[in-house]
């Protein structure tokens, strides 16, 4: 990993990518989402302050545990501009994310524990399939053996010869 002398206070996008392990395209994406910031030189080149290294590490760590980018952006917005996130910042923010992560872990454990019970989309047992229909929520919405899925304002109906409409999250979606 290339070392950047302490006297250098700004990094090029290539230096930031090399030091952080993030692709240049990912850094541009993070910048477009307001997660990191740069200034432009007179030649229109990006320059990032050294604190961007810690911010990128912060973003990547939060992403690895499943925190959405919008939530990460809100968390970083609480920090003063130009300040490197500290261990205390991480501890405070990660504690606020704990209940969301615990809920996701619980969902994944339920999925793992009941995976062998799943017989796929168009399940013949919608009342008992704990993966695609926990607590028979579809039965409460409408009667019948077919699922009615609304997508982007249009309705997809199952019928003879129709392609199966699946609930998101079922069978690998």
N, C-alpha and C. Protein backbone atom coordinates (compact mmCIF):
# COMPACT_ATOMS: atom_id res chain seq x y z
N UNK A 1 0.86 -1.17 0.00
CA UNK A 1 0.00 0.00 0.00
C UNK A 1 0.90 1.23 0.00
N UNK A 2 0.68 2.16 -0.94
CA UNK A 2 1.53 3.34 -0.99
C UNK A 2 1.33 4.22 0.24
N UNK A 3 2.43 4.70 0.77
CA UNK A 3 2.39 5.59 1.91
C UNK A 3 2.32 7.04 1.42
N UNK A 4 1.54 7.83 2.06
CA UNK A 4 1.42 9.24 1.71
C UNK A 4 2.07 10.04 2.83
N UNK A 5 3.07 10.85 2.48
CA UNK A 5 3.75 11.63 3.53
C UNK A 5 2.77 12.50 4.31
N UNK A 6 3.04 12.64 5.60
CA UNK A 6 2.17 13.43 6.48
C UNK A 6 2.00 14.86 6.01
N UNK A 7 3.03 15.41 5.36
CA UNK A 7 2.95 16.81 4.94
C UNK A 7 1.93 17.03 3.82
N UNK A 8 1.54 15.97 3.12
CA UNK A 8 0.54 16.09 2.07
C UNK A 8 -0.84 16.05 2.72
N UNK A 9 -1.56 17.14 2.56
CA UNK A 9 -2.87 17.26 3.20
C UNK A 9 -4.03 16.91 2.28
N UNK A 10 -3.76 16.83 0.97
CA UNK A 10 -4.81 16.50 0.01
C UNK A 10 -4.37 15.31 -0.84
N UNK A 11 -5.35 14.51 -1.22
CA UNK A 11 -5.10 13.31 -1.99
C UNK A 11 -5.81 13.40 -3.34
N UNK A 12 -5.18 12.84 -4.36
CA UNK A 12 -5.88 12.68 -5.63
C UNK A 12 -6.84 11.52 -5.48
N UNK A 13 -7.75 11.38 -6.42
CA UNK A 13 -8.70 10.27 -6.36
C UNK A 13 -7.95 8.94 -6.47
N UNK A 14 -6.86 8.91 -7.26
CA UNK A 14 -6.06 7.69 -7.38
C UNK A 14 -5.37 7.33 -6.08
N UNK A 15 -4.83 8.33 -5.38
CA UNK A 15 -4.20 8.08 -4.08
C UNK A 15 -5.23 7.60 -3.06
N UNK A 16 -6.39 8.22 -3.06
CA UNK A 16 -7.44 7.82 -2.13
C UNK A 16 -7.88 6.39 -2.43
N UNK A 17 -8.01 6.05 -3.70
CA UNK A 17 -8.40 4.69 -4.07
C UNK A 17 -7.34 3.69 -3.63
N UNK A 18 -6.08 4.00 -3.87
CA UNK A 18 -5.00 3.09 -3.51
C UNK A 18 -4.93 2.87 -2.00
N UNK A 19 -5.06 3.93 -1.23
CA UNK A 19 -4.98 3.82 0.22
C UNK A 19 -6.21 3.18 0.85
N UNK A 20 -7.40 3.45 0.28
CA UNK A 20 -8.64 2.97 0.91
C UNK A 20 -9.05 1.59 0.42
N UNK A 21 -8.54 1.18 -0.75
CA UNK A 21 -8.94 -0.09 -1.32
C UNK A 21 -10.26 -0.01 -2.08
N UNK A 22 -10.82 1.18 -2.19
CA UNK A 22 -12.07 1.38 -2.94
C UNK A 22 -11.72 1.75 -4.37
N UNK A 23 -12.52 1.30 -5.30
CA UNK A 23 -12.32 1.65 -6.70
C UNK A 23 -12.58 3.14 -6.91
N UNK A 24 -11.92 3.71 -7.90
CA UNK A 24 -12.13 5.12 -8.22
C UNK A 24 -13.61 5.37 -8.51
N UNK A 25 -14.25 4.45 -9.23
CA UNK A 25 -15.68 4.62 -9.53
C UNK A 25 -16.52 4.62 -8.25
N UNK A 26 -16.13 3.82 -7.26
CA UNK A 26 -16.85 3.81 -5.98
C UNK A 26 -16.68 5.15 -5.27
N UNK A 27 -15.48 5.71 -5.34
CA UNK A 27 -15.24 7.01 -4.70
C UNK A 27 -16.06 8.10 -5.38
N UNK A 28 -16.14 8.06 -6.70
CA UNK A 28 -16.98 9.02 -7.41
C UNK A 28 -18.45 8.85 -7.00
N UNK A 29 -18.89 7.60 -6.86
CA UNK A 29 -20.25 7.33 -6.42
C UNK A 29 -20.48 7.86 -5.01
N UNK A 30 -19.54 7.58 -4.09
CA UNK A 30 -19.67 8.08 -2.72
C UNK A 30 -19.77 9.60 -2.72
N UNK A 31 -18.98 10.23 -3.56
CA UNK A 31 -19.01 11.69 -3.62
C UNK A 31 -20.36 12.17 -4.16
N UNK A 32 -20.89 11.49 -5.17
CA UNK A 32 -22.18 11.89 -5.73
C UNK A 32 -23.31 11.73 -4.72
N UNK A 33 -23.13 10.83 -3.76
CA UNK A 33 -24.14 10.60 -2.72
C UNK A 33 -23.90 11.43 -1.47
N UNK A 34 -22.87 12.27 -1.49
CA UNK A 34 -22.61 13.16 -0.36
C UNK A 34 -21.92 12.49 0.81
N UNK A 35 -21.30 11.35 0.58
CA UNK A 35 -20.62 10.63 1.67
C UNK A 35 -19.20 11.16 1.89
N UNK A 36 -18.56 11.60 0.82
CA UNK A 36 -17.25 12.24 0.90
C UNK A 36 -17.30 13.48 0.02
N UNK A 37 -16.34 14.37 0.23
CA UNK A 37 -16.33 15.64 -0.50
C UNK A 37 -14.93 15.91 -1.02
N UNK A 38 -14.87 16.59 -2.15
CA UNK A 38 -13.59 17.00 -2.71
C UNK A 38 -13.70 18.45 -3.14
N UNK A 39 -12.56 19.01 -3.42
CA UNK A 39 -12.52 20.33 -4.05
C UNK A 39 -11.92 20.11 -5.43
N UNK A 40 -12.10 21.05 -6.30
CA UNK A 40 -11.55 20.96 -7.66
C UNK A 40 -10.38 21.93 -7.79
N UNK A 41 -9.32 21.46 -8.45
CA UNK A 41 -8.17 22.32 -8.74
C UNK A 41 -8.51 23.21 -9.92
N UNK A 42 -7.62 24.11 -10.25
CA UNK A 42 -7.84 24.97 -11.42
C UNK A 42 -7.89 24.13 -12.70
N UNK A 43 -7.30 22.95 -12.69
CA UNK A 43 -7.36 22.03 -13.82
C UNK A 43 -8.54 21.07 -13.74
N UNK A 44 -9.47 21.32 -12.80
CA UNK A 44 -10.69 20.54 -12.60
C UNK A 44 -10.42 19.11 -12.09
N UNK A 45 -9.32 18.92 -11.40
CA UNK A 45 -9.03 17.62 -10.80
C UNK A 45 -9.53 17.61 -9.36
N UNK A 46 -10.01 16.45 -8.94
CA UNK A 46 -10.50 16.31 -7.57
C UNK A 46 -9.32 16.24 -6.59
N UNK A 47 -9.52 16.87 -5.45
CA UNK A 47 -8.57 16.75 -4.34
C UNK A 47 -9.38 16.50 -3.08
N UNK A 48 -9.02 15.45 -2.37
CA UNK A 48 -9.71 15.05 -1.15
C UNK A 48 -8.82 15.35 0.04
N UNK A 49 -9.41 15.82 1.11
CA UNK A 49 -8.63 16.03 2.34
C UNK A 49 -8.32 14.66 2.95
N UNK A 50 -7.31 14.62 3.81
CA UNK A 50 -6.87 13.35 4.38
C UNK A 50 -7.98 12.65 5.17
N UNK A 51 -8.91 13.42 5.74
CA UNK A 51 -9.98 12.78 6.51
C UNK A 51 -10.89 11.92 5.64
N UNK A 52 -10.83 12.08 4.32
CA UNK A 52 -11.64 11.25 3.42
C UNK A 52 -11.24 9.77 3.55
N UNK A 53 -9.99 9.50 3.90
CA UNK A 53 -9.57 8.10 4.11
C UNK A 53 -10.40 7.44 5.20
N UNK A 54 -10.53 8.10 6.33
CA UNK A 54 -11.29 7.54 7.44
C UNK A 54 -12.77 7.48 7.10
N UNK A 55 -13.27 8.50 6.39
CA UNK A 55 -14.68 8.50 6.00
C UNK A 55 -14.98 7.33 5.06
N UNK A 56 -14.09 7.05 4.11
CA UNK A 56 -14.29 5.92 3.21
C UNK A 56 -14.27 4.61 4.01
N UNK A 57 -13.33 4.49 4.94
CA UNK A 57 -13.28 3.28 5.78
C UNK A 57 -14.58 3.15 6.58
N UNK A 58 -15.08 4.24 7.09
CA UNK A 58 -16.33 4.28 7.84
C UNK A 58 -17.49 3.81 6.97
N UNK A 59 -17.58 4.34 5.75
CA UNK A 59 -18.65 3.97 4.81
C UNK A 59 -18.57 2.49 4.49
N UNK A 60 -17.39 2.01 4.18
CA UNK A 60 -17.23 0.61 3.78
C UNK A 60 -17.55 -0.34 4.94
N UNK A 61 -17.15 0.02 6.14
CA UNK A 61 -17.45 -0.83 7.30
C UNK A 61 -18.96 -0.88 7.54
N UNK A 62 -19.61 0.26 7.44
CA UNK A 62 -21.06 0.31 7.64
C UNK A 62 -21.78 -0.47 6.54
N UNK A 63 -21.31 -0.35 5.30
CA UNK A 63 -21.92 -1.11 4.20
C UNK A 63 -21.78 -2.61 4.43
N UNK A 64 -20.63 -3.05 4.92
CA UNK A 64 -20.40 -4.48 5.14
C UNK A 64 -21.40 -5.09 6.10
N UNK A 65 -21.89 -4.30 7.03
CA UNK A 65 -22.88 -4.83 7.97
C UNK A 65 -24.30 -4.53 7.53
N UNK A 66 -24.45 -3.98 6.31
CA UNK A 66 -25.77 -3.82 5.74
C UNK A 66 -26.46 -2.51 5.99
N UNK A 67 -25.74 -1.50 6.42
CA UNK A 67 -26.36 -0.20 6.66
C UNK A 67 -26.55 0.51 5.31
N UNK A 68 -27.74 0.98 5.01
CA UNK A 68 -27.99 1.67 3.73
C UNK A 68 -27.18 2.97 3.62
N UNK A 69 -26.81 3.33 2.40
CA UNK A 69 -26.02 4.53 2.18
C UNK A 69 -26.71 5.78 2.69
N UNK A 70 -28.01 5.86 2.57
CA UNK A 70 -28.74 7.04 3.07
C UNK A 70 -28.55 7.19 4.58
N UNK A 71 -28.56 6.09 5.30
CA UNK A 71 -28.36 6.12 6.75
C UNK A 71 -26.93 6.52 7.07
N UNK A 72 -25.98 6.01 6.29
CA UNK A 72 -24.57 6.37 6.49
C UNK A 72 -24.37 7.86 6.24
N UNK A 73 -24.99 8.38 5.18
CA UNK A 73 -24.87 9.80 4.87
C UNK A 73 -25.41 10.65 6.02
N UNK A 74 -26.57 10.26 6.58
CA UNK A 74 -27.13 10.99 7.71
C UNK A 74 -26.17 10.99 8.90
N UNK A 75 -25.54 9.85 9.13
CA UNK A 75 -24.60 9.74 10.24
C UNK A 75 -23.38 10.64 10.02
N UNK A 76 -22.83 10.62 8.82
CA UNK A 76 -21.67 11.45 8.53
C UNK A 76 -22.02 12.94 8.56
N UNK A 77 -23.26 13.27 8.24
CA UNK A 77 -23.68 14.67 8.25
C UNK A 77 -23.66 15.25 9.67
N UNK A 78 -23.74 14.38 10.67
CA UNK A 78 -23.69 14.83 12.06
C UNK A 78 -22.30 15.27 12.48
N UNK A 79 -21.29 14.83 11.72
CA UNK A 79 -19.91 15.16 12.06
C UNK A 79 -19.51 16.50 11.44
N UNK A 80 -18.66 17.24 12.11
CA UNK A 80 -18.19 18.50 11.52
C UNK A 80 -17.40 18.21 10.24
N UNK A 81 -17.60 19.05 9.22
CA UNK A 81 -16.90 18.87 7.94
C UNK A 81 -15.39 18.94 8.18
N UNK A 82 -14.68 18.04 7.55
CA UNK A 82 -13.23 18.04 7.67
C UNK A 82 -12.71 17.29 8.88
N UNK A 83 -13.61 16.81 9.72
CA UNK A 83 -13.15 16.07 10.88
C UNK A 83 -13.19 14.58 10.61
N UNK A 84 -12.16 13.90 10.98
CA UNK A 84 -12.09 12.47 10.81
C UNK A 84 -12.98 11.79 11.83
N UNK A 85 -13.83 10.84 11.39
CA UNK A 85 -14.65 10.09 12.36
C UNK A 85 -13.73 9.34 13.33
N UNK A 86 -14.07 9.41 14.60
CA UNK A 86 -13.26 8.77 15.64
C UNK A 86 -13.88 7.44 16.06
N UNK A 87 -13.15 6.72 16.90
CA UNK A 87 -13.68 5.47 17.45
C UNK A 87 -14.95 5.74 18.25
N UNK A 88 -15.00 6.87 18.96
CA UNK A 88 -16.21 7.23 19.71
C UNK A 88 -17.39 7.50 18.77
N UNK A 89 -17.11 8.16 17.64
CA UNK A 89 -18.17 8.38 16.65
C UNK A 89 -18.72 7.05 16.17
N UNK A 90 -17.81 6.14 15.82
CA UNK A 90 -18.24 4.83 15.33
C UNK A 90 -19.06 4.09 16.39
N UNK A 91 -18.61 4.12 17.62
CA UNK A 91 -19.32 3.43 18.71
C UNK A 91 -20.73 4.01 18.89
N UNK A 92 -20.84 5.32 18.87
CA UNK A 92 -22.15 5.97 19.05
C UNK A 92 -23.09 5.63 17.90
N UNK A 93 -22.59 5.75 16.67
CA UNK A 93 -23.44 5.50 15.51
C UNK A 93 -23.79 4.02 15.37
N UNK A 94 -22.82 3.15 15.61
CA UNK A 94 -23.10 1.72 15.47
C UNK A 94 -24.09 1.26 16.53
N UNK A 95 -24.07 1.88 17.71
CA UNK A 95 -25.04 1.53 18.74
C UNK A 95 -26.45 1.88 18.29
N UNK A 96 -26.58 2.99 17.56
CA UNK A 96 -27.91 3.38 17.08
C UNK A 96 -28.40 2.45 15.98
N UNK A 97 -27.50 1.76 15.31
CA UNK A 97 -27.87 0.82 14.24
C UNK A 97 -28.10 -0.59 14.75
N UNK A 98 -27.79 -0.84 15.99
CA UNK A 98 -27.81 -2.20 16.53
C UNK A 98 -29.18 -2.88 16.41
N UNK A 99 -30.27 -2.19 16.74
CA UNK A 99 -31.58 -2.84 16.70
C UNK A 99 -31.94 -3.23 15.27
N UNK A 100 -31.61 -2.37 14.30
CA UNK A 100 -31.87 -2.70 12.90
C UNK A 100 -31.07 -3.94 12.48
N UNK A 101 -29.82 -3.98 12.90
CA UNK A 101 -28.98 -5.14 12.57
C UNK A 101 -29.48 -6.41 13.26
N UNK A 102 -29.90 -6.28 14.51
CA UNK A 102 -30.44 -7.44 15.23
C UNK A 102 -31.67 -8.00 14.52
N UNK A 103 -32.52 -7.10 14.01
CA UNK A 103 -33.71 -7.54 13.28
C UNK A 103 -33.33 -8.27 12.00
N UNK A 104 -32.34 -7.75 11.28
CA UNK A 104 -31.88 -8.43 10.06
C UNK A 104 -31.29 -9.79 10.37
N UNK A 105 -30.52 -9.88 11.43
CA UNK A 105 -29.93 -11.16 11.83
C UNK A 105 -31.03 -12.16 12.16
N UNK A 106 -32.05 -11.70 12.86
CA UNK A 106 -33.19 -12.57 13.19
C UNK A 106 -33.88 -13.07 11.92
N UNK A 107 -34.06 -12.19 10.93
CA UNK A 107 -34.67 -12.59 9.66
C UNK A 107 -33.80 -13.62 8.94
N UNK A 108 -32.49 -13.39 8.92
CA UNK A 108 -31.59 -14.34 8.27
C UNK A 108 -31.58 -15.68 8.98
N UNK A 109 -31.60 -15.67 10.30
CA UNK A 109 -31.66 -16.92 11.05
C UNK A 109 -32.94 -17.69 10.74
N UNK A 110 -34.06 -16.96 10.65
CA UNK A 110 -35.33 -17.59 10.32
C UNK A 110 -35.27 -18.19 8.91
N UNK A 111 -34.69 -17.46 7.98
CA UNK A 111 -34.53 -17.96 6.62
C UNK A 111 -33.69 -19.23 6.61
N UNK A 112 -32.57 -19.21 7.28
CA UNK A 112 -31.69 -20.38 7.35
C UNK A 112 -32.40 -21.57 7.97
N UNK A 113 -33.10 -21.34 9.07
CA UNK A 113 -33.74 -22.43 9.80
C UNK A 113 -34.89 -23.07 9.03
N UNK A 114 -35.53 -22.30 8.14
CA UNK A 114 -36.69 -22.81 7.43
C UNK A 114 -36.46 -23.01 5.94
N UNK A 115 -35.21 -22.90 5.51
CA UNK A 115 -34.91 -22.99 4.10
C UNK A 115 -35.34 -24.32 3.50
N UNK A 116 -35.16 -25.40 4.23
CA UNK A 116 -35.54 -26.70 3.67
C UNK A 116 -37.05 -26.87 3.57
N UNK A 117 -37.81 -26.03 4.28
CA UNK A 117 -39.26 -26.10 4.21
C UNK A 117 -39.82 -25.42 2.95
N UNK A 118 -39.02 -24.56 2.33
CA UNK A 118 -39.49 -23.78 1.19
C UNK A 118 -39.55 -24.66 -0.05
N UNK A 119 -40.68 -24.62 -0.74
CA UNK A 119 -40.80 -25.40 -1.97
C UNK A 119 -40.88 -24.48 -3.17
N UNK A 120 -40.45 -23.23 -3.01
CA UNK A 120 -40.32 -22.32 -4.13
C UNK A 120 -41.54 -21.46 -4.37
N UNK A 121 -41.42 -20.65 -5.39
CA UNK A 121 -42.52 -19.76 -5.76
C UNK A 121 -43.71 -20.55 -6.27
N UNK A 122 -44.88 -19.99 -6.11
CA UNK A 122 -46.09 -20.72 -6.45
C UNK A 122 -46.31 -21.83 -5.44
N UNK A 123 -45.81 -21.62 -4.27
CA UNK A 123 -45.84 -22.59 -3.18
C UNK A 123 -47.23 -23.21 -3.04
N UNK A 124 -47.26 -24.51 -2.86
CA UNK A 124 -48.54 -25.19 -2.71
C UNK A 124 -49.09 -25.05 -1.30
N UNK A 125 -48.29 -24.46 -0.43
CA UNK A 125 -48.73 -24.35 0.95
C UNK A 125 -48.53 -22.91 1.44
N UNK A 126 -49.23 -21.99 0.85
CA UNK A 126 -49.06 -20.59 1.24
C UNK A 126 -49.43 -20.32 2.69
N UNK A 127 -50.29 -21.17 3.24
CA UNK A 127 -50.66 -20.94 4.63
C UNK A 127 -49.54 -21.29 5.59
N UNK A 128 -48.66 -22.21 5.20
CA UNK A 128 -47.64 -22.66 6.14
C UNK A 128 -46.22 -22.27 5.75
N UNK A 129 -46.00 -21.69 4.56
CA UNK A 129 -44.64 -21.34 4.13
C UNK A 129 -44.15 -20.14 4.95
N UNK A 130 -43.19 -20.39 5.82
CA UNK A 130 -42.70 -19.34 6.71
C UNK A 130 -41.75 -18.39 6.02
N UNK A 131 -41.30 -18.73 4.83
CA UNK A 131 -40.40 -17.84 4.11
C UNK A 131 -41.15 -16.84 3.25
N UNK A 132 -42.04 -17.34 2.40
CA UNK A 132 -42.73 -16.43 1.50
C UNK A 132 -44.02 -15.88 2.08
N UNK A 133 -44.52 -16.48 3.15
CA UNK A 133 -45.79 -16.03 3.70
C UNK A 133 -45.81 -16.20 5.22
N UNK A 134 -44.94 -15.51 5.93
CA UNK A 134 -44.94 -15.67 7.39
C UNK A 134 -46.27 -15.24 7.99
N UNK A 135 -46.78 -16.04 8.87
CA UNK A 135 -48.04 -15.77 9.58
C UNK A 135 -49.24 -15.61 8.63
N UNK A 136 -49.18 -16.23 7.45
CA UNK A 136 -50.26 -16.22 6.47
C UNK A 136 -50.77 -14.81 6.18
N UNK A 137 -49.83 -13.86 5.97
CA UNK A 137 -50.23 -12.49 5.69
C UNK A 137 -50.97 -12.36 4.37
N UNK A 138 -50.68 -13.23 3.40
CA UNK A 138 -51.38 -13.17 2.12
C UNK A 138 -52.84 -13.59 2.30
N UNK A 139 -53.08 -14.56 3.16
CA UNK A 139 -54.45 -15.01 3.40
C UNK A 139 -55.30 -13.90 3.99
N UNK A 140 -54.69 -13.01 4.76
CA UNK A 140 -55.43 -11.90 5.33
C UNK A 140 -55.76 -10.84 4.28
N UNK A 141 -54.92 -10.73 3.25
CA UNK A 141 -55.12 -9.71 2.21
C UNK A 141 -56.17 -10.11 1.19
N UNK A 142 -56.16 -11.37 0.75
CA UNK A 142 -57.11 -11.80 -0.28
C UNK A 142 -57.21 -13.31 -0.28
N UNK A 143 -58.31 -13.80 -0.80
CA UNK A 143 -58.55 -15.24 -0.86
C UNK A 143 -58.02 -15.78 -2.19
N UNK A 144 -57.81 -17.06 -2.25
CA UNK A 144 -57.41 -17.70 -3.50
C UNK A 144 -56.03 -18.31 -3.38
N UNK A 145 -55.72 -19.15 -4.35
CA UNK A 145 -54.45 -19.86 -4.29
C UNK A 145 -53.36 -19.16 -5.08
N UNK A 146 -53.67 -18.06 -5.76
CA UNK A 146 -52.69 -17.33 -6.56
C UNK A 146 -52.30 -16.04 -5.84
N UNK A 147 -51.06 -15.64 -6.06
CA UNK A 147 -50.61 -14.37 -5.51
C UNK A 147 -50.90 -13.27 -6.52
N UNK A 148 -51.26 -12.13 -6.04
CA UNK A 148 -51.46 -10.96 -6.87
C UNK A 148 -50.38 -9.97 -6.47
N UNK A 149 -49.48 -9.68 -7.39
CA UNK A 149 -48.36 -8.81 -7.07
C UNK A 149 -48.47 -7.55 -7.90
N UNK A 150 -48.43 -6.41 -7.22
CA UNK A 150 -48.49 -5.14 -7.92
C UNK A 150 -47.08 -4.60 -8.05
N UNK A 151 -46.69 -4.29 -9.29
CA UNK A 151 -45.35 -3.76 -9.53
C UNK A 151 -45.45 -2.53 -10.41
N UNK A 152 -44.86 -1.44 -9.96
CA UNK A 152 -44.77 -0.21 -10.73
C UNK A 152 -46.10 0.20 -11.37
N UNK A 153 -47.17 0.09 -10.62
CA UNK A 153 -48.47 0.55 -11.09
C UNK A 153 -49.21 -0.44 -11.97
N UNK A 154 -48.57 -1.54 -12.36
CA UNK A 154 -49.28 -2.54 -13.16
C UNK A 154 -49.50 -3.78 -12.32
N UNK A 155 -50.47 -4.57 -12.70
CA UNK A 155 -50.79 -5.76 -11.94
C UNK A 155 -50.42 -6.99 -12.75
N UNK A 156 -49.75 -7.93 -12.11
CA UNK A 156 -49.39 -9.19 -12.74
C UNK A 156 -50.26 -10.25 -12.11
N UNK A 157 -51.02 -10.97 -12.90
CA UNK A 157 -51.90 -11.99 -12.36
C UNK A 157 -51.42 -13.37 -12.81
N UNK A 158 -51.44 -14.30 -11.90
CA UNK A 158 -51.10 -15.67 -12.26
C UNK A 158 -52.31 -16.35 -12.88
N UNK A 159 -52.09 -17.17 -13.85
CA UNK A 159 -53.17 -17.89 -14.50
C UNK A 159 -52.57 -19.05 -15.27
N UNK A 160 -53.39 -19.83 -15.96
CA UNK A 160 -52.85 -20.95 -16.72
C UNK A 160 -51.82 -20.47 -17.73
N UNK A 161 -50.64 -21.03 -17.66
CA UNK A 161 -49.56 -20.69 -18.58
C UNK A 161 -48.86 -19.38 -18.29
N UNK A 162 -49.26 -18.68 -17.25
CA UNK A 162 -48.63 -17.39 -16.94
C UNK A 162 -47.32 -17.61 -16.21
N UNK A 163 -46.43 -16.65 -16.35
CA UNK A 163 -45.18 -16.68 -15.61
C UNK A 163 -45.51 -16.38 -14.15
N UNK A 164 -44.89 -17.11 -13.27
CA UNK A 164 -45.18 -16.95 -11.85
C UNK A 164 -44.78 -15.58 -11.36
N UNK A 165 -45.67 -14.88 -10.67
CA UNK A 165 -45.34 -13.63 -10.00
C UNK A 165 -44.91 -13.96 -8.59
N UNK A 166 -43.73 -13.48 -8.20
CA UNK A 166 -43.19 -13.88 -6.91
C UNK A 166 -43.11 -12.70 -5.98
N UNK A 167 -43.23 -12.98 -4.72
CA UNK A 167 -43.04 -11.97 -3.70
C UNK A 167 -41.55 -11.70 -3.58
N UNK A 168 -41.14 -10.43 -3.42
CA UNK A 168 -39.73 -10.14 -3.20
C UNK A 168 -39.22 -10.85 -1.97
N UNK A 169 -38.03 -11.37 -2.06
CA UNK A 169 -37.43 -12.07 -0.92
C UNK A 169 -37.67 -13.54 -0.95
N UNK A 170 -38.55 -14.02 -1.80
CA UNK A 170 -38.82 -15.46 -1.88
C UNK A 170 -37.90 -16.11 -2.89
N UNK A 171 -37.38 -17.23 -2.55
CA UNK A 171 -36.61 -18.07 -3.49
C UNK A 171 -35.44 -17.33 -4.11
N UNK A 172 -34.69 -16.61 -3.33
CA UNK A 172 -33.47 -16.01 -3.78
C UNK A 172 -33.59 -14.62 -4.35
N UNK A 173 -34.77 -14.02 -4.38
CA UNK A 173 -34.90 -12.65 -4.88
C UNK A 173 -34.26 -11.69 -3.92
